[in-house]
PDB file of N, CA and C in Angstrom:
ATOM      1  N   MET A   1      53.432  62.593 -30.541  1.00  0.00           N
ATOM      2  CA  MET A   1      53.315  61.604 -30.958  1.00  0.00           C
ATOM      3  C   MET A   1      53.042  61.149 -30.145  1.00  0.00           C
ATOM      4  N   ARG A   2      52.344  60.169 -29.938  1.00  0.00           N
ATOM      5  CA  ARG A   2      51.831  59.869 -28.250  1.00  0.00           C
ATOM      6  C   ARG A   2      52.059  58.212 -28.612  1.00  0.00           C
ATOM      7  N   GLN A   3      52.916  57.216 -27.373  1.00  0.00           N
ATOM      8  CA  GLN A   3      52.838  56.482 -27.711  1.00  0.00           C
ATOM      9  C   GLN A   3      52.166  55.183 -26.897  1.00  0.00           C
ATOM     10  N   ASN A   4      52.425  54.374 -27.154  1.00  0.00           N
ATOM     11  CA  ASN A   4      50.871  53.266 -27.134  1.00  0.00           C
ATOM     12  C   ASN A   4      52.244  52.461 -26.049  1.00  0.00           C
ATOM     13  N   ARG A   5      51.962  52.601 -24.944  1.00  0.00           N
ATOM     14  CA  ARG A   5      52.022  51.559 -23.908  1.00  0.00           C
ATOM     15  C   ARG A   5      51.842  50.555 -23.894  1.00  0.00           C
ATOM     16  N   ARG A   6      52.561  48.912 -23.062  1.00  0.00           N
ATOM     17  CA  ARG A   6      51.904  47.660 -23.243  1.00  0.00           C
ATOM     18  C   ARG A   6      51.254  47.942 -21.451  1.00  0.00           C
ATOM     19  N   ILE A   7      50.361  48.347 -21.479  1.00  0.00           N
ATOM     20  CA  ILE A   7      49.494  48.020 -19.979  1.00  0.00           C
ATOM     21  C   ILE A   7      49.814  46.868 -19.585  1.00  0.00           C
ATOM     22  N   ALA A   8      50.376  46.627 -18.135  1.00  0.00           N
ATOM     23  CA  ALA A   8      50.190  44.763 -17.639  1.00  0.00           C
ATOM     24  C   ALA A   8      49.515  44.211 -17.209  1.00  0.00           C
ATOM     25  N   SER A   9      48.538  42.918 -17.421  1.00  0.00           N
ATOM     26  CA  SER A   9      47.210  42.618 -17.100  1.00  0.00           C
ATOM     27  C   SER A   9      47.460  41.437 -16.284  1.00  0.00           C
ATOM     28  N   TYR A  10      46.710  41.708 -15.185  1.00  0.00           N
ATOM     29  CA  TYR A  10      46.947  41.003 -14.039  1.00  0.00           C
ATOM     30  C   TYR A  10      45.228  39.906 -13.101  1.00  0.00           C
ATOM     31  N   ALA A  11      46.515  39.019 -12.491  1.00  0.00           N
ATOM     32  CA  ALA A  11      45.568  37.525 -12.748  1.00  0.00           C
ATOM     33  C   ALA A  11      44.965  38.113 -10.934  1.00  0.00           C
ATOM     34  N   LEU A  12      43.612  37.511 -10.630  1.00  0.00           N
ATOM     35  CA  LEU A  12      43.325  36.947  -9.170  1.00  0.00           C
ATOM     36  C   LEU A  12      44.131  36.396  -8.460  1.00  0.00           C
ATOM     37  N   ASN A  13      44.218  37.228  -7.341  1.00  0.00           N
ATOM     38  CA  ASN A  13      44.878  35.980  -6.682  1.00  0.00           C
ATOM     39  C   ASN A  13      44.237  35.527  -5.693  1.00  0.00           C
ATOM     40  N   LYS A  14      43.405  34.852  -6.011  1.00  0.00           N
ATOM     41  CA  LYS A  14      42.388  34.021  -4.761  1.00  0.00           C
ATOM     42  C   LYS A  14      42.880  33.549  -3.130  1.00  0.00           C
ATOM     43  N   ASP A  15      44.944  33.113  -3.267  1.00  0.00           N
ATOM     44  CA  ASP A  15      44.532  32.318  -2.003  1.00  0.00           C
ATOM     45  C   ASP A  15      45.185  33.651  -0.754  1.00  0.00           C
ATOM     46  N   ALA A  16      45.206  35.044  -1.475  1.00  0.00           N
ATOM     47  CA  ALA A  16      45.993  36.240  -0.591  1.00  0.00           C
ATOM     48  C   ALA A  16      44.610  37.161  -0.792  1.00  0.00           C
ATOM     49  N   VAL A  17      43.373  36.807  -0.953  1.00  0.00           N
ATOM     50  CA  VAL A  17      41.700  36.910  -1.031  1.00  0.00           C
ATOM     51  C   VAL A  17      41.675  36.657   0.884  1.00  0.00           C
ATOM     52  N   ALA A  18      42.171  34.860  -0.178  1.00  0.00           N
ATOM     53  CA  ALA A  18      41.672  33.813   1.614  1.00  0.00           C
ATOM     54  C   ALA A  18      42.392  34.797   2.921  1.00  0.00           C
ATOM     55  N   HIS A  19      43.339  34.814   2.679  1.00  0.00           N
ATOM     56  CA  HIS A  19      44.775  35.505   3.730  1.00  0.00           C
ATOM     57  C   HIS A  19      43.830  36.493   3.649  1.00  0.00           C
ATOM     58  N   ALA A  20      44.249  37.548   3.607  1.00  0.00           N
ATOM     59  CA  ALA A  20      42.933  38.553   3.676  1.00  0.00           C
ATOM     60  C   ALA A  20      42.420  38.924   4.517  1.00  0.00           C
ATOM     61  N   LYS A  21      40.963  37.987   4.719  1.00  0.00           N
ATOM     62  CA  LYS A  21      40.371  37.603   4.978  1.00  0.00           C
ATOM     63  C   LYS A  21      39.770  36.475   6.106  1.00  0.00           C
ATOM     64  N   ARG A  22      41.618  36.364   6.639  1.00  0.00           N
ATOM     65  CA  ARG A  22      41.683  35.166   7.855  1.00  0.00           C
ATOM     66  C   ARG A  22      42.960  36.575   8.597  1.00  0.00           C
ATOM     67  N   LEU A  23      43.134  37.630   7.820  1.00  0.00           N
ATOM     68  CA  LEU A  23      43.495  37.635   8.621  1.00  0.00           C
ATOM     69  C   LEU A  23      42.299  39.407   9.136  1.00  0.00           C
ATOM     70  N   ILE A  24      41.710  39.253   8.658  1.00  0.00           N
ATOM     71  CA  ILE A  24      40.457  40.412   9.434  1.00  0.00           C
ATOM     72  C   ILE A  24      39.460  39.847  10.157  1.00  0.00           C
ATOM     73  N   ASP A  25      39.394  38.361   9.517  1.00  0.00           N
ATOM     74  CA  ASP A  25      38.570  36.920  11.343  1.00  0.00           C
ATOM     75  C   ASP A  25      39.718  37.585  12.289  1.00  0.00           C
ATOM     76  N   ALA A  26      41.015  37.289  12.294  1.00  0.00           N
ATOM     77  CA  ALA A  26      41.473  37.183  13.284  1.00  0.00           C
ATOM     78  C   ALA A  26      42.105  38.839  13.586  1.00  0.00           C
ATOM     79  N   ARG A  27      41.385  39.123  13.404  1.00  0.00           N
ATOM     80  CA  ARG A  27      41.778  41.291  13.756  1.00  0.00           C
ATOM     81  C   ARG A  27      43.610  41.777  13.665  1.00  0.00           C
ATOM     82  N   GLN A  28      43.512  41.382  12.576  1.00  0.00           N
ATOM     83  CA  GLN A  28      45.188  41.427  12.503  1.00  0.00           C
ATOM     84  C   GLN A  28      44.603  42.304  11.009  1.00  0.00           C
ATOM     85  N   TYR A  29      44.442  43.514  11.795  1.00  0.00           N
ATOM     86  CA  TYR A  29      44.776  45.151  10.526  1.00  0.00           C
ATOM     87  C   TYR A  29      44.471  46.553  11.275  1.00  0.00           C
ATOM     88  N   VAL A  30      45.277  47.337  10.700  1.00  0.00           N
ATOM     89  CA  VAL A  30      45.507  48.859  11.068  1.00  0.00           C
ATOM     90  C   VAL A  30      43.773  49.311  10.374  1.00  0.00           C
ATOM     91  N   VAL A  31      42.765  49.494  11.393  1.00  0.00           N
ATOM     92  CA  VAL A  31      41.981  50.434  10.305  1.00  0.00           C
ATOM     93  C   VAL A  31      42.578  51.778  10.174  1.00  0.00           C
ATOM     94  N   ARG A  32      43.175  52.813  10.648  1.00  0.00           N
ATOM     95  CA  ARG A  32      43.459  53.831   9.891  1.00  0.00           C
ATOM     96  C   ARG A  32      45.241  54.221   9.955  1.00  0.00           C
ATOM     97  N   SER A  33      45.713  54.418   8.332  1.00  0.00           N
ATOM     98  CA  SER A  33      47.595  54.817   8.426  1.00  0.00           C
ATOM     99  C   SER A  33      47.282  55.521   7.314  1.00  0.00           C
ATOM    100  N   ARG A  34      48.746  55.869   6.957  1.00  0.00           N
ATOM    101  CA  ARG A  34      48.920  56.587   6.037  1.00  0.00           C
ATOM    102  C   ARG A  34      49.299  55.687   4.809  1.00  0.00           C
ATOM    103  N   TRP A  35      49.182  55.609   4.063  1.00  0.00           N
ATOM    104  CA  TRP A  35      49.450  54.471   2.931  1.00  0.00           C
ATOM    105  C   TRP A  35      51.316  54.279   2.619  1.00  0.00           C
ATOM    106  N   GLN A  36      50.779  56.092   1.706  1.00  0.00           N
ATOM    107  CA  GLN A  36      52.326  56.007   1.712  1.00  0.00           C
ATOM    108  C   GLN A  36      53.715  55.587   2.700  1.00  0.00           C
ATOM    109  N   ASP A  37      52.849  55.994   4.165  1.00  0.00           N
ATOM    110  CA  ASP A  37      54.276  55.353   5.160  1.00  0.00           C
ATOM    111  C   ASP A  37      54.189  54.148   5.583  1.00  0.00           C
ATOM    112  N   VAL A  38      53.005  53.428   5.073  1.00  0.00           N
ATOM    113  CA  VAL A  38      53.625  51.589   6.033  1.00  0.00           C
ATOM    114  C   VAL A  38      53.304  50.867   4.465  1.00  0.00           C
ATOM    115  N   GLN A  39      53.023  51.360   3.608  1.00  0.00           N
ATOM    116  CA  GLN A  39      53.687  50.443   2.698  1.00  0.00           C
ATOM    117  C   GLN A  39      54.734  49.635   2.409  1.00  0.00           C
ATOM    118  N   PRO A  40      54.780  48.090   2.165  1.00  0.00           N
ATOM    119  CA  PRO A  40      56.406  48.198   1.965  1.00  0.00           C
ATOM    120  C   PRO A  40      57.018  48.112   0.845  1.00  0.00           C
ATOM    121  N   ARG A  41      58.341  48.876   1.612  1.00  0.00           N
ATOM    122  CA  ARG A  41      59.233  49.610   0.060  1.00  0.00           C
ATOM    123  C   ARG A  41      59.933  48.301   0.236  1.00  0.00           C
ATOM    124  N   ALA A  42      61.356  48.335  -1.029  1.00  0.00           N
ATOM    125  CA  ALA A  42      61.901  47.749  -1.024  1.00  0.00           C
ATOM    126  C   ALA A  42      62.294  46.216   0.402  1.00  0.00           C
ATOM    127  N   ARG A  43      63.344  47.716   0.805  1.00  0.00           N
ATOM    128  CA  ARG A  43      64.028  46.682   2.021  1.00  0.00           C
ATOM    129  C   ARG A  43      62.874  45.923   2.941  1.00  0.00           C
ATOM    130  N   GLU A  44      61.948  46.234   3.083  1.00  0.00           N
ATOM    131  CA  GLU A  44      61.364  45.684   4.160  1.00  0.00           C
ATOM    132  C   GLU A  44      60.299  44.359   3.283  1.00  0.00           C
ATOM    133  N   GLN A  45      60.423  44.464   1.652  1.00  0.00           N
ATOM    134  CA  GLN A  45      60.225  43.343   0.830  1.00  0.00           C
ATOM    135  C   GLN A  45      61.459  42.185   0.686  1.00  0.00           C
ATOM    136  N   ASN A  46      62.428  42.987   0.656  1.00  0.00           N
ATOM    137  CA  ASN A  46      63.531  41.593   0.688  1.00  0.00           C
ATOM    138  C   ASN A  46      63.479  41.305   2.089  1.00  0.00           C
ATOM    139  N   ALA A  47      63.931  42.392   3.043  1.00  0.00           N
ATOM    140  CA  ALA A  47      64.019  41.554   4.583  1.00  0.00           C
ATOM    141  C   ALA A  47      62.532  40.101   4.919  1.00  0.00           C
ATOM    142  N   PHE A  48      61.868  40.589   4.300  1.00  0.00           N
ATOM    143  CA  PHE A  48      60.785  39.335   4.280  1.00  0.00           C
ATOM    144  C   PHE A  48      60.392  38.249   3.643  1.00  0.00           C
ATOM    145  N   LEU A  49      61.197  38.190   2.764  1.00  0.00           N
ATOM    146  CA  LEU A  49      61.758  37.429   1.834  1.00  0.00           C
ATOM    147  C   LEU A  49      62.736  36.604   2.332  1.00  0.00           C
ATOM    148  N   LYS A  50      63.699  36.841   2.968  1.00  0.00           N
ATOM    149  CA  LYS A  50      64.979  36.129   3.642  1.00  0.00           C
ATOM    150  C   LYS A  50      64.497  34.963   5.037  1.00  0.00           C
ATOM    151  N   ALA A  51      63.314  35.787   4.948  1.00  0.00           N
ATOM    152  CA  ALA A  51      63.088  34.979   6.565  1.00  0.00           C
ATOM    153  C   ALA A  51      61.624  34.016   6.243  1.00  0.00           C
ATOM    154  N   HIS A  52      61.191  34.396   4.810  1.00  0.00           N
ATOM    155  CA  HIS A  52      59.766  33.338   4.054  1.00  0.00           C
ATOM    156  C   HIS A  52      60.733  33.535   2.702  1.00  0.00           C
ATOM    157  N   SER A  53      58.989  32.708   2.490  1.00  0.00           N
ATOM    158  CA  SER A  53      59.468  31.903   1.063  1.00  0.00           C
ATOM    159  C   SER A  53      58.380  32.948  -0.269  1.00  0.00           C
ATOM    160  N   PHE A  54      58.596  32.686  -1.430  1.00  0.00           N
ATOM    161  CA  PHE A  54      57.332  33.720  -2.535  1.00  0.00           C
ATOM    162  C   PHE A  54      55.756  33.496  -2.254  1.00  0.00           C
ATOM    163  N   ALA A  55      56.251  31.638  -1.513  1.00  0.00           N
ATOM    164  CA  ALA A  55      54.317  31.485  -1.688  1.00  0.00           C
ATOM    165  C   ALA A  55      54.015  32.659  -0.433  1.00  0.00           C
ATOM    166  N   ASP A  56      54.844  32.677   0.766  1.00  0.00           N
ATOM    167  CA  ASP A  56      54.248  33.524   1.864  1.00  0.00           C
ATOM    168  C   ASP A  56      53.932  35.267   1.450  1.00  0.00           C
ATOM    169  N   TYR A  57      54.759  35.319   0.549  1.00  0.00           N
ATOM    170  CA  TYR A  57      55.437  36.767   0.384  1.00  0.00           C
ATOM    171  C   TYR A  57      53.602  36.858  -0.517  1.00  0.00           C
ATOM    172  N   ALA A  58      53.268  36.012  -1.664  1.00  0.00           N
ATOM    173  CA  ALA A  58      52.708  36.290  -2.822  1.00  0.00           C
ATOM    174  C   ALA A  58      50.943  36.335  -1.373  1.00  0.00           C
ATOM    175  N   LEU A  59      50.952  35.679  -0.622  1.00  0.00           N
ATOM    176  CA  LEU A  59      49.811  35.781  -0.157  1.00  0.00           C
ATOM    177  C   LEU A  59      49.657  37.401   0.029  1.00  0.00           C
ATOM    178  N   TRP A  60      50.055  38.751  -0.293  1.00  0.00           N
ATOM    179  CA  TRP A  60      50.055  39.743   1.052  1.00  0.00           C
ATOM    180  C   TRP A  60      49.362  40.927  -0.701  1.00  0.00           C
ATOM    181  N   HIS A  61      49.804  39.611  -1.205  1.00  0.00           N
ATOM    182  CA  HIS A  61      49.636  40.582  -2.690  1.00  0.00           C
ATOM    183  C   HIS A  61      48.330  40.205  -3.508  1.00  0.00           C
ATOM    184  N   LEU A  62      47.659  40.746  -3.880  1.00  0.00           N
ATOM    185  CA  LEU A  62      45.936  40.515  -5.001  1.00  0.00           C
ATOM    186  C   LEU A  62      46.009  40.167  -5.977  1.00  0.00           C
ATOM    187  N   GLY A  63      47.234  40.978  -6.753  1.00  0.00           N
ATOM    188  CA  GLY A  63      47.335  40.465  -8.086  1.00  0.00           C
ATOM    189  C   GLY A  63      48.711  39.622  -8.330  1.00  0.00           C
ATOM    190  N   LEU A  64      48.696  38.678  -9.405  1.00  0.00           N
ATOM    191  CA  LEU A  64      49.816  38.073 -10.006  1.00  0.00           C
ATOM    192  C   LEU A  64      50.171  38.810 -11.171  1.00  0.00           C
ATOM    193  N   THR A  65      51.373  39.401 -11.789  1.00  0.00           N
ATOM    194  CA  THR A  65      51.530  39.414 -13.068  1.00  0.00           C
ATOM    195  C   THR A  65      51.622  38.547 -13.824  1.00  0.00           C
ATOM    196  N   GLU A  66      50.873  38.204 -15.119  1.00  0.00           N
ATOM    197  CA  GLU A  66      50.983  37.493 -15.830  1.00  0.00           C
ATOM    198  C   GLU A  66      51.682  37.781 -17.335  1.00  0.00           C
ATOM    199  N   GLY A  67      53.230  36.728 -17.050  1.00  0.00           N
ATOM    200  CA  GLY A  67      53.409  36.506 -17.657  1.00  0.00           C
ATOM    201  C   GLY A  67      54.868  36.452 -17.414  1.00  0.00           C
ATOM    202  N   ALA A  68      55.119  37.038 -15.652  1.00  0.00           N
ATOM    203  CA  ALA A  68      56.172  37.339 -14.861  1.00  0.00           C
ATOM    204  C   ALA A  68      56.627  36.131 -14.236  1.00  0.00           C
ATOM    205  N   ASP A  69      57.090  35.775 -13.928  1.00  0.00           N
ATOM    206  CA  ASP A  69      57.956  34.454 -13.127  1.00  0.00           C
ATOM    207  C   ASP A  69      57.634  34.877 -12.162  1.00  0.00           C
ATOM    208  N   ASP A  70      57.754  32.789 -11.232  1.00  0.00           N
ATOM    209  CA  ASP A  70      57.072  33.052 -10.036  1.00  0.00           C
ATOM    210  C   ASP A  70      58.100  32.964  -8.365  1.00  0.00           C
ATOM    211  N   GLU A  71      58.527  33.278  -8.687  1.00  0.00           N
ATOM    212  CA  GLU A  71      60.117  33.573  -7.448  1.00  0.00           C
ATOM    213  C   GLU A  71      59.871  34.699  -7.949  1.00  0.00           C
ATOM    214  N   THR A  72      59.414  36.035  -8.217  1.00  0.00           N
ATOM    215  CA  THR A  72      60.015  37.145  -8.496  1.00  0.00           C
ATOM    216  C   THR A  72      59.258  37.566  -7.975  1.00  0.00           C
ATOM    217  N   LYS A  73      59.419  38.745  -7.488  1.00  0.00           N
ATOM    218  CA  LYS A  73      58.913  40.123  -7.205  1.00  0.00           C
ATOM    219  C   LYS A  73      58.319  40.857  -7.827  1.00  0.00           C
ATOM    220  N   ALA A  74      58.371  40.610  -9.371  1.00  0.00           N
ATOM    221  CA  ALA A  74      57.613  41.284 -10.708  1.00  0.00           C
ATOM    222  C   ALA A  74      56.242  40.253 -10.909  1.00  0.00           C
ATOM    223  N   ARG A  75      55.951  39.590 -10.647  1.00  0.00           N
ATOM    224  CA  ARG A  75      55.522  38.758 -10.632  1.00  0.00           C
ATOM    225  C   ARG A  75      54.379  38.857  -9.379  1.00  0.00           C
ATOM    226  N   TYR A  76      54.282  39.910  -8.297  1.00  0.00           N
ATOM    227  CA  TYR A  76      53.475  39.693  -7.620  1.00  0.00           C
ATOM    228  C   TYR A  76      53.394  41.566  -7.432  1.00  0.00           C
ATOM    229  N   ALA A  77      51.431  42.181  -7.225  1.00  0.00           N
ATOM    230  CA  ALA A  77      50.904  43.599  -7.192  1.00  0.00           C
ATOM    231  C   ALA A  77      49.847  43.744  -6.501  1.00  0.00           C
ATOM    232  N   PHE A  78      49.573  44.713  -5.903  1.00  0.00           N
ATOM    233  CA  PHE A  78      48.666  45.324  -5.838  1.00  0.00           C
ATOM    234  C   PHE A  78      48.730  44.768  -4.273  1.00  0.00           C
ATOM    235  N   VAL A  79      49.743  45.532  -2.973  1.00  0.00           N
ATOM    236  CA  VAL A  79      50.152  45.224  -2.257  1.00  0.00           C
ATOM    237  C   VAL A  79      49.239  45.716  -1.522  1.00  0.00           C
ATOM    238  N   TYR A  80      48.089  44.895  -0.451  1.00  0.00           N
ATOM    239  CA  TYR A  80      47.282  45.325   0.256  1.00  0.00           C
ATOM    240  C   TYR A  80      48.419  45.817   1.971  1.00  0.00           C
ATOM    241  N   GLY A  81      49.226  45.133   2.191  1.00  0.00           N
ATOM    242  CA  GLY A  81      49.265  45.290   4.275  1.00  0.00           C
ATOM    243  C   GLY A  81      50.573  45.248   4.286  1.00  0.00           C
ATOM    244  N   ASP A  82      51.346  45.631   5.248  1.00  0.00           N
ATOM    245  CA  ASP A  82      52.657  45.964   5.051  1.00  0.00           C
ATOM    246  C   ASP A  82      53.670  44.437   5.950  1.00  0.00           C
ATOM    247  N   LEU A  83      52.844  43.392   5.330  1.00  0.00           N
ATOM    248  CA  LEU A  83      53.981  42.090   5.261  1.00  0.00           C
ATOM    249  C   LEU A  83      53.710  41.739   7.376  1.00  0.00           C
ATOM    250  N   ARG A  84      52.860  42.245   7.944  1.00  0.00           N
ATOM    251  CA  ARG A  84      52.227  41.948   9.620  1.00  0.00           C
ATOM    252  C   ARG A  84      50.756  42.110   9.414  1.00  0.00           C
ATOM    253  N   ARG A  85      50.221  42.667   8.924  1.00  0.00           N
ATOM    254  CA  ARG A  85      49.126  43.058   9.286  1.00  0.00           C
ATOM    255  C   ARG A  85      48.245  44.238   7.923  1.00  0.00           C
ATOM    256  N   LEU A  86      46.944  42.976   7.943  1.00  0.00           N
ATOM    257  CA  LEU A  86      46.372  44.548   6.555  1.00  0.00           C
ATOM    258  C   LEU A  86      46.128  45.755   7.211  1.00  0.00           C
ATOM    259  N   HIS A  87      45.918  46.727   5.968  1.00  0.00           N
ATOM    260  CA  HIS A  87      45.625  48.230   6.475  1.00  0.00           C
ATOM    261  C   HIS A  87      44.315  48.263   4.997  1.00  0.00           C
ATOM    262  N   ARG A  88      43.514  48.488   6.198  1.00  0.00           N
ATOM    263  CA  ARG A  88      42.028  49.318   4.990  1.00  0.00           C
ATOM    264  C   ARG A  88      42.700  50.682   4.087  1.00  0.00           C
ATOM    265  N   MET A  89      43.888  51.293   4.133  1.00  0.00           N
ATOM    266  CA  MET A  89      44.584  52.551   3.123  1.00  0.00           C
ATOM    267  C   MET A  89      44.894  51.101   1.920  1.00  0.00           C
ATOM    268  N   GLY A  90      45.622  50.120   2.372  1.00  0.00           N
ATOM    269  CA  GLY A  90      46.241  49.631   1.259  1.00  0.00           C
ATOM    270  C   GLY A  90      44.691  48.648   0.639  1.00  0.00           C
ATOM    271  N   LEU A  91      43.809  48.290   1.420  1.00  0.00           N
ATOM    272  CA  LEU A  91      42.678  47.431   0.349  1.00  0.00           C
ATOM    273  C   LEU A  91      42.254  48.591  -0.676  1.00  0.00           C
ATOM    274  N   ILE A  92      42.472  50.084   0.393  1.00  0.00           N
ATOM    275  CA  ILE A  92      41.863  51.214  -0.954  1.00  0.00           C
ATOM    276  C   ILE A  92      42.579  51.395  -2.057  1.00  0.00           C
ATOM    277  N   ALA A  93      43.353  51.491  -1.455  1.00  0.00           N
ATOM    278  CA  ALA A  93      44.883  52.345  -2.822  1.00  0.00           C
ATOM    279  C   ALA A  93      44.602  50.615  -3.345  1.00  0.00           C
ATOM    280  N   CYS A  94      44.678  49.298  -3.279  1.00  0.00           N
ATOM    281  CA  CYS A  94      44.876  47.859  -4.442  1.00  0.00           C
ATOM    282  C   CYS A  94      43.471  48.785  -5.027  1.00  0.00           C
ATOM    283  N   HIS A  95      41.967  49.049  -4.451  1.00  0.00           N
ATOM    284  CA  HIS A  95      40.908  48.920  -5.750  1.00  0.00           C
ATOM    285  C   HIS A  95      40.659  50.383  -5.775  1.00  0.00           C
ATOM    286  N   TYR A  96      42.184  51.665  -5.704  1.00  0.00           N
ATOM    287  CA  TYR A  96      41.555  53.021  -6.316  1.00  0.00           C
ATOM    288  C   TYR A  96      43.140  52.809  -7.939  1.00  0.00           C
ATOM    289  N   ARG A  97      43.219  51.526  -7.512  1.00  0.00           N
ATOM    290  CA  ARG A  97      44.387  51.331  -8.466  1.00  0.00           C
ATOM    291  C   ARG A  97      44.388  50.626  -9.579  1.00  0.00           C
ATOM    292  N   ALA A  98      43.197  49.700  -9.383  1.00  0.00           N
ATOM    293  CA  ALA A  98      42.858  48.805 -10.427  1.00  0.00           C
ATOM    294  C   ALA A  98      41.518  49.489 -10.909  1.00  0.00           C
ATOM    295  N   ALA A  99      41.117  50.073 -10.621  1.00  0.00           N
ATOM    296  CA  ALA A  99      39.661  50.854 -10.859  1.00  0.00           C
ATOM    297  C   ALA A  99      39.637  51.563 -12.582  1.00  0.00           C
ATOM    298  N   GLU A 100      41.355  52.340 -11.743  1.00  0.00           N
ATOM    299  CA  GLU A 100      42.530  53.426 -12.566  1.00  0.00           C
ATOM    300  C   GLU A 100      42.381  52.556 -13.293  1.00  0.00           C
ATOM    301  N   TRP A 101      42.696  51.592 -13.726  1.00  0.00           N
ATOM    302  CA  TRP A 101      43.212  50.759 -14.912  1.00  0.00           C
ATOM    303  C   TRP A 101      42.921  49.939 -15.380  1.00  0.00           C
ATOM    304  N   ARG A 102      41.705  49.529 -14.944  1.00  0.00           N
ATOM    305  CA  ARG A 102      40.284  49.218 -15.025  1.00  0.00           C
ATOM    306  C   ARG A 102      40.971  47.070 -14.798  1.00  0.00           C
ATOM    307  N   HIS A 103      41.572  47.230 -14.270  1.00  0.00           N
ATOM    308  CA  HIS A 103      41.755  45.234 -13.922  1.00  0.00           C
ATOM    309  C   HIS A 103      40.454  45.251 -12.695  1.00  0.00           C
ATOM    310  N   LYS A 104      39.696  44.889 -13.720  1.00  0.00           N
ATOM    311  CA  LYS A 104      38.140  44.373 -13.037  1.00  0.00           C
ATOM    312  C   LYS A 104      38.194  43.746 -11.539  1.00  0.00           C
ATOM    313  N   GLU A 105      38.638  42.257 -12.178  1.00  0.00           N
ATOM    314  CA  GLU A 105      38.197  40.952 -11.006  1.00  0.00           C
ATOM    315  C   GLU A 105      38.665  41.663  -9.436  1.00  0.00           C
ATOM    316  N   ILE A 106      40.371  42.341  -9.774  1.00  0.00           N
ATOM    317  CA  ILE A 106      41.050  43.415  -8.694  1.00  0.00           C
ATOM    318  C   ILE A 106      40.932  44.256  -7.767  1.00  0.00           C
ATOM    319  N   GLU A 107      39.757  45.252  -8.659  1.00  0.00           N
ATOM    320  CA  GLU A 107      39.264  45.672  -8.164  1.00  0.00           C
ATOM    321  C   GLU A 107      38.034  45.818  -7.349  1.00  0.00           C
ATOM    322  N   LEU A 108      37.721  45.022  -7.670  1.00  0.00           N
ATOM    323  CA  LEU A 108      35.864  43.789  -6.659  1.00  0.00           C
ATOM    324  C   LEU A 108      36.285  43.275  -6.111  1.00  0.00           C
ATOM    325  N   ALA A 109      37.785  41.960  -6.383  1.00  0.00           N
ATOM    326  CA  ALA A 109      38.210  41.655  -5.293  1.00  0.00           C
ATOM    327  C   ALA A 109      38.250  42.817  -3.930  1.00  0.00           C
ATOM    328  N   ALA A 110      38.907  43.533  -3.842  1.00  0.00           N
ATOM    329  CA  ALA A 110      39.528  44.702  -3.398  1.00  0.00           C
ATOM    330  C   ALA A 110      38.096  45.670  -2.151  1.00  0.00           C
ATOM    331  N   HIS A 111      37.714  45.595  -3.230  1.00  0.00           N
ATOM    332  CA  HIS A 111      35.977  46.263  -2.821  1.00  0.00           C
ATOM    333  C   HIS A 111      34.953  45.622  -2.036  1.00  0.00           C
ATOM    334  N   GLU A 112      35.049  44.555  -2.487  1.00  0.00           N
ATOM    335  CA  GLU A 112      34.398  43.164  -1.699  1.00  0.00           C
ATOM    336  C   GLU A 112      35.734  42.757  -0.106  1.00  0.00           C
ATOM    337  N   LEU A 113      36.622  43.344  -0.099  1.00  0.00           N
ATOM    338  CA  LEU A 113      37.455  42.731   1.291  1.00  0.00           C
ATOM    339  C   LEU A 113      37.550  44.007   2.013  1.00  0.00           C
ATOM    340  N   LEU A 114      36.628  45.333   1.328  1.00  0.00           N
ATOM    341  CA  LEU A 114      36.803  46.331   2.228  1.00  0.00           C
ATOM    342  C   LEU A 114      35.722  45.765   3.025  1.00  0.00           C
ATOM    343  N   GLN A 115      34.778  45.781   2.582  1.00  0.00           N
ATOM    344  CA  GLN A 115      33.427  45.351   2.687  1.00  0.00           C
ATOM    345  C   GLN A 115      33.225  44.772   4.235  1.00  0.00           C
ATOM    346  N   TYR A 116      34.065  43.319   3.359  1.00  0.00           N
ATOM    347  CA  TYR A 116      34.443  42.550   4.788  1.00  0.00           C
ATOM    348  C   TYR A 116      34.885  42.892   5.913  1.00  0.00           C
ATOM    349  N   LEU A 117      35.008  43.598   5.833  1.00  0.00           N
ATOM    350  CA  LEU A 117      36.352  44.902   7.147  1.00  0.00           C
ATOM    351  C   LEU A 117      35.806  45.745   7.654  1.00  0.00           C
ATOM    352  N   ASP A 118      34.916  46.433   6.813  1.00  0.00           N
ATOM    353  CA  ASP A 118      33.707  47.148   7.422  1.00  0.00           C
ATOM    354  C   ASP A 118      33.148  46.396   8.726  1.00  0.00           C
ATOM    355  N   ALA A 119      32.162  45.804   7.974  1.00  0.00           N
ATOM    356  CA  ALA A 119      31.394  44.396   8.219  1.00  0.00           C
ATOM    357  C   ALA A 119      32.251  44.003   9.908  1.00  0.00           C
ATOM    358  N   ARG A 120      33.428  43.878  10.314  1.00  0.00           N
ATOM    359  CA  ARG A 120      33.689  42.859  11.037  1.00  0.00           C
ATOM    360  C   ARG A 120      34.604  44.165  11.485  1.00  0.00           C
ATOM    361  N   ILE A 121      34.676  45.292  11.170  1.00  0.00           N
ATOM    362  CA  ILE A 121      34.411  46.493  12.403  1.00  0.00           C
ATOM    363  C   ILE A 121      33.661  47.072  12.819  1.00  0.00           C
ATOM    364  N   ALA A 122      32.997  47.378  12.323  1.00  0.00           N
ATOM    365  CA  ALA A 122      31.118  47.072  12.994  1.00  0.00           C
ATOM    366  C   ALA A 122      30.679  46.423  13.945  1.00  0.00           C
ATOM    367  N   ARG A 123      30.972  45.678  13.772  1.00  0.00           N
ATOM    368  CA  ARG A 123      30.857  44.190  15.107  1.00  0.00           C
ATOM    369  C   ARG A 123      31.896  44.611  16.307  1.00  0.00           C
ATOM    370  N   PRO A 124      30.293  44.269  17.723  1.00  0.00           N
ATOM    371  CA  PRO A 124      31.462  44.500  19.378  1.00  0.00           C
ATOM    372  C   PRO A 124      32.722  43.725  19.024  1.00  0.00           C
TER     373      PRO A 124
END
């Protein structure tokens, strides 16, 4: 028997999109990386939160989990960087995962950020 699992709903974090663009403009990005090796794990997330606010933490996530409390890690989804720099592979992972689960607004934002980054990389 197949179980119906409830899929989380996400709102686009527009502040995170703006932050990602600022990082790109400031050349604070990594073009090639193995996302599985550099994406922040619980240890890195907890260390970041000891030194920063949840508002700062939120800037690294394109999605806001609907129904989750603001001051919890569960509130934030679709991380695109290592909490220091944006990673192109992080954006690709966000795009892929959002497309897979039909989170259209986040999928489109990740796609637009990829285009923005690629245009910036192409400029001398």
